[in-house]
Amino acid sequence: MNNYDLIAHVKSAVVFAGLGVLLFGLMWLLIEKLTPFSIRKEIEEDHNISLAILIGAVFLSIAIILAAAIHG
C-alpha cells in the first residue's frame, strides 16, 4: 500500500464519519420536531428509561443502515 492509497482511505473515512454525524444530528432534530414533548426533559428529568432505550434503538438502526450503505 502506498501513501496515495492511505491518504485516499483516510479522506473517505473522514467524509463518511462527517456524513454519519450530520445524519445523526438531522435525525435527532427530526425526532425532536415530531414528538409532542421534550425528549431531553423526559430522559434527563423524568428518568424515562423506556424512551431512552427507544431512542437508542433508533440510532442503532440508523447506524446499521448507514454502515450497509457505505459498505455497499
PDB file of N, CA and C in Angstrom:
ATOM      1  N   MET A   1       0.851  -1.175   0.000  1.00  0.00           N
ATOM      2  CA  MET A   1       0.000   0.000   0.000  1.00  0.00           C
ATOM      3  C   MET A   1       0.897   1.238   0.000  1.00  0.00           C
ATOM      4  N   ASN A   2       0.665   2.103  -0.944  1.00  0.00           N
ATOM      5  CA  ASN A   2       1.485   3.323  -0.998  1.00  0.00           C
ATOM      6  C   ASN A   2       0.779   4.469  -0.272  1.00  0.00           C
ATOM      7  N   ASN A   3       1.463   5.604  -0.211  1.00  0.00           N
ATOM      8  CA  ASN A   3       0.927   6.750   0.528  1.00  0.00           C
ATOM      9  C   ASN A   3      -0.359   7.288  -0.082  1.00  0.00           C
ATOM     10  N   TYR A   4      -0.474   7.206  -1.419  1.00  0.00           N
ATOM     11  CA  TYR A   4      -1.684   7.712  -2.059  1.00  0.00           C
ATOM     12  C   TYR A   4      -2.912   6.917  -1.615  1.00  0.00           C
ATOM     13  N   ASP A   5      -2.784   5.612  -1.522  1.00  0.00           N
ATOM     14  CA  ASP A   5      -3.900   4.780  -1.069  1.00  0.00           C
ATOM     15  C   ASP A   5      -4.285   5.115   0.372  1.00  0.00           C
ATOM     16  N   LEU A   6      -3.275   5.292   1.215  1.00  0.00           N
ATOM     17  CA  LEU A   6      -3.533   5.614   2.616  1.00  0.00           C
ATOM     18  C   LEU A   6      -4.251   6.954   2.739  1.00  0.00           C
ATOM     19  N   ILE A   7      -3.791   7.947   2.001  1.00  0.00           N
ATOM     20  CA  ILE A   7      -4.423   9.273   2.056  1.00  0.00           C
ATOM     21  C   ILE A   7      -5.853   9.205   1.531  1.00  0.00           C
ATOM     22  N   ALA A   8      -6.073   8.447   0.479  1.00  0.00           N
ATOM     23  CA  ALA A   8      -7.427   8.312  -0.078  1.00  0.00           C
ATOM     24  C   ALA A   8      -8.354   7.629   0.922  1.00  0.00           C
ATOM     25  N   HIS A   9      -7.873   6.619   1.615  1.00  0.00           N
ATOM     26  CA  HIS A   9      -8.700   5.922   2.600  1.00  0.00           C
ATOM     27  C   HIS A   9      -9.004   6.816   3.807  1.00  0.00           C
ATOM     28  N   VAL A  10      -8.029   7.583   4.223  1.00  0.00           N
ATOM     29  CA  VAL A  10      -8.262   8.492   5.353  1.00  0.00           C
ATOM     30  C   VAL A  10      -9.264   9.567   4.963  1.00  0.00           C
ATOM     31  N   LYS A  11      -9.137  10.104   3.756  1.00  0.00           N
ATOM     32  CA  LYS A  11     -10.101  11.110   3.295  1.00  0.00           C
ATOM     33  C   LYS A  11     -11.518  10.547   3.238  1.00  0.00           C
ATOM     34  N   SER A  12     -11.673   9.342   2.708  1.00  0.00           N
ATOM     35  CA  SER A  12     -13.016   8.771   2.621  1.00  0.00           C
ATOM     36  C   SER A  12     -13.562   8.461   4.015  1.00  0.00           C
ATOM     37  N   ALA A  13     -12.703   8.034   4.937  1.00  0.00           N
ATOM     38  CA  ALA A  13     -13.155   7.779   6.306  1.00  0.00           C
ATOM     39  C   ALA A  13     -13.627   9.068   6.968  1.00  0.00           C
ATOM     40  N   VAL A  14     -12.906  10.155   6.758  1.00  0.00           N
ATOM     41  CA  VAL A  14     -13.299  11.446   7.338  1.00  0.00           C
ATOM     42  C   VAL A  14     -14.621  11.921   6.736  1.00  0.00           C
ATOM     43  N   VAL A  15     -14.777  11.765   5.444  1.00  0.00           N
ATOM     44  CA  VAL A  15     -16.018  12.185   4.784  1.00  0.00           C
ATOM     45  C   VAL A  15     -17.204  11.372   5.293  1.00  0.00           C
ATOM     46  N   PHE A  16     -17.050  10.056   5.375  1.00  0.00           N
ATOM     47  CA  PHE A  16     -18.154   9.224   5.834  1.00  0.00           C
ATOM     48  C   PHE A  16     -18.453   9.441   7.311  1.00  0.00           C
ATOM     49  N   ALA A  17     -17.424   9.705   8.112  1.00  0.00           N
ATOM     50  CA  ALA A  17     -17.663   9.999   9.532  1.00  0.00           C
ATOM     51  C   ALA A  17     -18.430  11.313   9.669  1.00  0.00           C
ATOM     52  N   GLY A  18     -18.042  12.312   8.901  1.00  0.00           N
ATOM     53  CA  GLY A  18     -18.762  13.590   8.922  1.00  0.00           C
ATOM     54  C   GLY A  18     -20.197  13.437   8.454  1.00  0.00           C
ATOM     55  N   LEU A  19     -20.383  12.640   7.415  1.00  0.00           N
ATOM     56  CA  LEU A  19     -21.733  12.376   6.912  1.00  0.00           C
ATOM     57  C   LEU A  19     -22.575  11.660   7.956  1.00  0.00           C
ATOM     58  N   GLY A  20     -21.978  10.710   8.648  1.00  0.00           N
ATOM     59  CA  GLY A  20     -22.694   9.984   9.689  1.00  0.00           C
ATOM     60  C   GLY A  20     -23.100  10.892  10.836  1.00  0.00           C
ATOM     61  N   VAL A  21     -22.190  11.745  11.279  1.00  0.00           N
ATOM     62  CA  VAL A  21     -22.506  12.672  12.369  1.00  0.00           C
ATOM     63  C   VAL A  21     -23.600  13.644  11.933  1.00  0.00           C
ATOM     64  N   LEU A  22     -23.525  14.116  10.708  1.00  0.00           N
ATOM     65  CA  LEU A  22     -24.549  15.022  10.181  1.00  0.00           C
ATOM     66  C   LEU A  22     -25.913  14.336  10.135  1.00  0.00           C
ATOM     67  N   LEU A  23     -25.953  13.095   9.665  1.00  0.00           N
ATOM     68  CA  LEU A  23     -27.219  12.373   9.603  1.00  0.00           C
ATOM     69  C   LEU A  23     -27.795  12.105  10.989  1.00  0.00           C
ATOM     70  N   PHE A  24     -26.929  11.771  11.952  1.00  0.00           N
ATOM     71  CA  PHE A  24     -27.418  11.557  13.309  1.00  0.00           C
ATOM     72  C   PHE A  24     -27.972  12.852  13.898  1.00  0.00           C
ATOM     73  N   GLY A  25     -27.325  13.973  13.622  1.00  0.00           N
ATOM     74  CA  GLY A  25     -27.834  15.260  14.092  1.00  0.00           C
ATOM     75  C   GLY A  25     -29.178  15.597  13.467  1.00  0.00           C
ATOM     76  N   LEU A  26     -29.290  15.352  12.171  1.00  0.00           N
ATOM     77  CA  LEU A  26     -30.564  15.612  11.493  1.00  0.00           C
ATOM     78  C   LEU A  26     -31.670  14.699  12.006  1.00  0.00           C
ATOM     79  N   MET A  27     -31.332  13.457  12.283  1.00  0.00           N
ATOM     80  CA  MET A  27     -32.344  12.543  12.816  1.00  0.00           C
ATOM     81  C   MET A  27     -32.779  12.978  14.216  1.00  0.00           C
ATOM     82  N   TRP A  28     -31.847  13.457  15.025  1.00  0.00           N
ATOM     83  CA  TRP A  28     -32.211  13.941  16.360  1.00  0.00           C
ATOM     84  C   TRP A  28     -33.171  15.131  16.243  1.00  0.00           C
ATOM     85  N   LEU A  29     -32.872  16.067  15.339  1.00  0.00           N
ATOM     86  CA  LEU A  29     -33.763  17.217  15.146  1.00  0.00           C
ATOM     87  C   LEU A  29     -35.134  16.771  14.648  1.00  0.00           C
ATOM     88  N   LEU A  30     -35.163  15.807  13.746  1.00  0.00           N
ATOM     89  CA  LEU A  30     -36.437  15.308  13.223  1.00  0.00           C
ATOM     90  C   LEU A  30     -37.255  14.635  14.323  1.00  0.00           C
ATOM     91  N   ILE A  31     -36.602  13.828  15.138  1.00  0.00           N
ATOM     92  CA  ILE A  31     -37.309  13.160  16.233  1.00  0.00           C
ATOM     93  C   ILE A  31     -37.832  14.194  17.229  1.00  0.00           C
ATOM     94  N   GLU A  32     -37.027  15.214  17.533  1.00  0.00           N
ATOM     95  CA  GLU A  32     -37.461  16.270  18.453  1.00  0.00           C
ATOM     96  C   GLU A  32     -38.677  17.016  17.906  1.00  0.00           C
ATOM     97  N   LYS A  33     -38.693  17.278  16.595  1.00  0.00           N
ATOM     98  CA  LYS A  33     -39.806  18.017  15.995  1.00  0.00           C
ATOM     99  C   LYS A  33     -41.078  17.175  15.915  1.00  0.00           C
ATOM    100  N   LEU A  34     -40.941  15.871  15.722  1.00  0.00           N
ATOM    101  CA  LEU A  34     -42.114  15.020  15.540  1.00  0.00           C
ATOM    102  C   LEU A  34     -42.786  14.641  16.852  1.00  0.00           C
ATOM    103  N   THR A  35     -42.069  14.695  17.951  1.00  0.00           N
ATOM    104  CA  THR A  35     -42.677  14.326  19.229  1.00  0.00           C
ATOM    105  C   THR A  35     -43.325  15.544  19.880  1.00  0.00           C
ATOM    106  N   PRO A  36     -44.471  15.358  20.508  1.00  0.00           N
ATOM    107  CA  PRO A  36     -45.167  16.491  21.125  1.00  0.00           C
ATOM    108  C   PRO A  36     -44.597  16.888  22.488  1.00  0.00           C
ATOM    109  N   PHE A  37     -43.529  16.235  22.923  1.00  0.00           N
ATOM    110  CA  PHE A  37     -42.924  16.526  24.226  1.00  0.00           C
ATOM    111  C   PHE A  37     -41.420  16.639  24.045  1.00  0.00           C
ATOM    112  N   SER A  38     -40.754  17.145  25.056  1.00  0.00           N
ATOM    113  CA  SER A  38     -39.303  17.280  25.010  1.00  0.00           C
ATOM    114  C   SER A  38     -38.653  15.954  25.386  1.00  0.00           C
ATOM    115  N   ILE A  39     -37.937  15.380  24.449  1.00  0.00           N
ATOM    116  CA  ILE A  39     -37.261  14.112  24.702  1.00  0.00           C
ATOM    117  C   ILE A  39     -36.191  14.296  25.764  1.00  0.00           C
ATOM    118  N   ARG A  40     -35.460  15.379  25.681  1.00  0.00           N
ATOM    119  CA  ARG A  40     -34.385  15.634  26.637  1.00  0.00           C
ATOM    120  C   ARG A  40     -34.942  15.733  28.065  1.00  0.00           C
ATOM    121  N   LYS A  41     -36.078  16.431  28.226  1.00  0.00           N
ATOM    122  CA  LYS A  41     -36.689  16.550  29.560  1.00  0.00           C
ATOM    123  C   LYS A  41     -37.178  15.194  30.049  1.00  0.00           C
ATOM    124  N   GLU A  42     -37.789  14.433  29.175  1.00  0.00           N
ATOM    125  CA  GLU A  42     -38.320  13.122  29.562  1.00  0.00           C
ATOM    126  C   GLU A  42     -37.202  12.191  30.038  1.00  0.00           C
ATOM    127  N   ILE A  43     -36.073  12.211  29.345  1.00  0.00           N
ATOM    128  CA  ILE A  43     -34.988  11.294  29.694  1.00  0.00           C
ATOM    129  C   ILE A  43     -34.203  11.805  30.900  1.00  0.00           C
ATOM    130  N   GLU A  44     -33.837  13.088  30.895  1.00  0.00           N
ATOM    131  CA  GLU A  44     -32.975  13.612  31.950  1.00  0.00           C
ATOM    132  C   GLU A  44     -33.707  13.880  33.258  1.00  0.00           C
ATOM    133  N   GLU A  45     -34.839  14.558  33.191  1.00  0.00           N
ATOM    134  CA  GLU A  45     -35.524  14.964  34.419  1.00  0.00           C
ATOM    135  C   GLU A  45     -36.507  13.909  34.925  1.00  0.00           C
ATOM    136  N   ASP A  46     -37.266  13.320  34.004  1.00  0.00           N
ATOM    137  CA  ASP A  46     -38.291  12.362  34.409  1.00  0.00           C
ATOM    138  C   ASP A  46     -37.782  10.922  34.443  1.00  0.00           C
ATOM    139  N   HIS A  47     -36.552  10.701  34.012  1.00  0.00           N
ATOM    140  CA  HIS A  47     -35.906   9.384  34.025  1.00  0.00           C
ATOM    141  C   HIS A  47     -36.739   8.330  33.295  1.00  0.00           C
ATOM    142  N   ASN A  48     -37.178   8.674  32.094  1.00  0.00           N
ATOM    143  CA  ASN A  48     -37.976   7.758  31.276  1.00  0.00           C
ATOM    144  C   ASN A  48     -37.020   6.802  30.548  1.00  0.00           C
ATOM    145  N   ILE A  49     -36.762   5.671  31.166  1.00  0.00           N
ATOM    146  CA  ILE A  49     -35.789   4.720  30.634  1.00  0.00           C
ATOM    147  C   ILE A  49     -36.280   4.081  29.343  1.00  0.00           C
ATOM    148  N   SER A  50     -37.565   3.833  29.245  1.00  0.00           N
ATOM    149  CA  SER A  50     -38.087   3.198  28.032  1.00  0.00           C
ATOM    150  C   SER A  50     -37.914   4.112  26.815  1.00  0.00           C
ATOM    151  N   LEU A  51     -38.068   5.402  26.992  1.00  0.00           N
ATOM    152  CA  LEU A  51     -37.843   6.336  25.891  1.00  0.00           C
ATOM    153  C   LEU A  51     -36.369   6.362  25.510  1.00  0.00           C
ATOM    154  N   ALA A  52     -35.482   6.312  26.483  1.00  0.00           N
ATOM    155  CA  ALA A  52     -34.049   6.289  26.198  1.00  0.00           C
ATOM    156  C   ALA A  52     -33.668   5.035  25.420  1.00  0.00           C
ATOM    157  N   ILE A  53     -34.259   3.908  25.771  1.00  0.00           N
ATOM    158  CA  ILE A  53     -33.995   2.663  25.051  1.00  0.00           C
ATOM    159  C   ILE A  53     -34.523   2.764  23.625  1.00  0.00           C
ATOM    160  N   LEU A  54     -35.693   3.346  23.450  1.00  0.00           N
ATOM    161  CA  LEU A  54     -36.271   3.509  22.122  1.00  0.00           C
ATOM    162  C   LEU A  54     -35.406   4.410  21.244  1.00  0.00           C
ATOM    163  N   ILE A  55     -34.959   5.525  21.769  1.00  0.00           N
ATOM    164  CA  ILE A  55     -34.106   6.437  21.003  1.00  0.00           C
ATOM    165  C   ILE A  55     -32.781   5.753  20.671  1.00  0.00           C
ATOM    166  N   GLY A  56     -32.231   4.999  21.615  1.00  0.00           N
ATOM    167  CA  GLY A  56     -31.007   4.248  21.343  1.00  0.00           C
ATOM    168  C   GLY A  56     -31.195   3.233  20.235  1.00  0.00           C
ATOM    169  N   ALA A  57     -32.335   2.553  20.232  1.00  0.00           N
ATOM    170  CA  ALA A  57     -32.627   1.577  19.180  1.00  0.00           C
ATOM    171  C   ALA A  57     -32.767   2.255  17.819  1.00  0.00           C
ATOM    172  N   VAL A  58     -33.369   3.430  17.793  1.00  0.00           N
ATOM    173  CA  VAL A  58     -33.494   4.174  16.535  1.00  0.00           C
ATOM    174  C   VAL A  58     -32.115   4.542  16.003  1.00  0.00           C
ATOM    175  N   PHE A  59     -31.244   5.037  16.882  1.00  0.00           N
ATOM    176  CA  PHE A  59     -29.901   5.414  16.439  1.00  0.00           C
ATOM    177  C   PHE A  59     -29.080   4.198  16.005  1.00  0.00           C
ATOM    178  N   LEU A  60     -29.239   3.069  16.677  1.00  0.00           N
ATOM    179  CA  LEU A  60     -28.541   1.861  16.247  1.00  0.00           C
ATOM    180  C   LEU A  60     -29.023   1.397  14.875  1.00  0.00           C
ATOM    181  N   SER A  61     -30.323   1.478  14.633  1.00  0.00           N
ATOM    182  CA  SER A  61     -30.836   1.073  13.329  1.00  0.00           C
ATOM    183  C   SER A  61     -30.348   2.007  12.229  1.00  0.00           C
ATOM    184  N   ILE A  62     -30.261   3.297  12.516  1.00  0.00           N
ATOM    185  CA  ILE A  62     -29.722   4.242  11.539  1.00  0.00           C
ATOM    186  C   ILE A  62     -28.250   3.943  11.271  1.00  0.00           C
ATOM    187  N   ALA A  63     -27.502   3.604  12.328  1.00  0.00           N
ATOM    188  CA  ALA A  63     -26.087   3.269  12.152  1.00  0.00           C
ATOM    189  C   ALA A  63     -25.907   2.026  11.297  1.00  0.00           C
ATOM    190  N   ILE A  64     -26.746   1.027  11.485  1.00  0.00           N
ATOM    191  CA  ILE A  64     -26.661  -0.197  10.688  1.00  0.00           C
ATOM    192  C   ILE A  64     -26.970   0.098   9.222  1.00  0.00           C
ATOM    193  N   ILE A  65     -27.991   0.891   8.974  1.00  0.00           N
ATOM    194  CA  ILE A  65     -28.349   1.253   7.601  1.00  0.00           C
ATOM    195  C   ILE A  65     -27.242   2.061   6.953  1.00  0.00           C
ATOM    196  N   LEU A  66     -26.679   3.005   7.687  1.00  0.00           N
ATOM    197  CA  LEU A  66     -25.591   3.832   7.162  1.00  0.00           C
ATOM    198  C   LEU A  66     -24.358   2.985   6.869  1.00  0.00           C
ATOM    199  N   ALA A  67     -24.026   2.058   7.762  1.00  0.00           N
ATOM    200  CA  ALA A  67     -22.869   1.180   7.536  1.00  0.00           C
ATOM    201  C   ALA A  67     -23.077   0.296   6.314  1.00  0.00           C
ATOM    202  N   ALA A  68     -24.289  -0.206   6.126  1.00  0.00           N
ATOM    203  CA  ALA A  68     -24.573  -1.031   4.951  1.00  0.00           C
ATOM    204  C   ALA A  68     -24.481  -0.211   3.673  1.00  0.00           C
ATOM    205  N   ALA A  69     -24.918   1.028   3.727  1.00  0.00           N
ATOM    206  CA  ALA A  69     -24.851   1.894   2.548  1.00  0.00           C
ATOM    207  C   ALA A  69     -23.407   2.240   2.197  1.00  0.00           C
ATOM    208  N   ILE A  70     -22.580   2.458   3.214  1.00  0.00           N
ATOM    209  CA  ILE A  70     -21.176   2.791   2.964  1.00  0.00           C
ATOM    210  C   ILE A  70     -20.432   1.558   2.460  1.00  0.00           C
ATOM    211  N   HIS A  71     -20.718   0.404   3.051  1.00  0.00           N
ATOM    212  CA  HIS A  71     -20.005  -0.824   2.672  1.00  0.00           C
ATOM    213  C   HIS A  71     -20.355  -1.263   1.268  1.00  0.00           C
ATOM    214  N   GLY A  72     -21.575  -0.992   0.871  1.00  0.00           N
ATOM    215  CA  GLY A  72     -22.005  -1.317  -0.479  1.00  0.00           C
ATOM    216  C   GLY A  72     -22.579  -2.643  -0.541  1.00  0.00           C
TER     217      GLY A  72
END
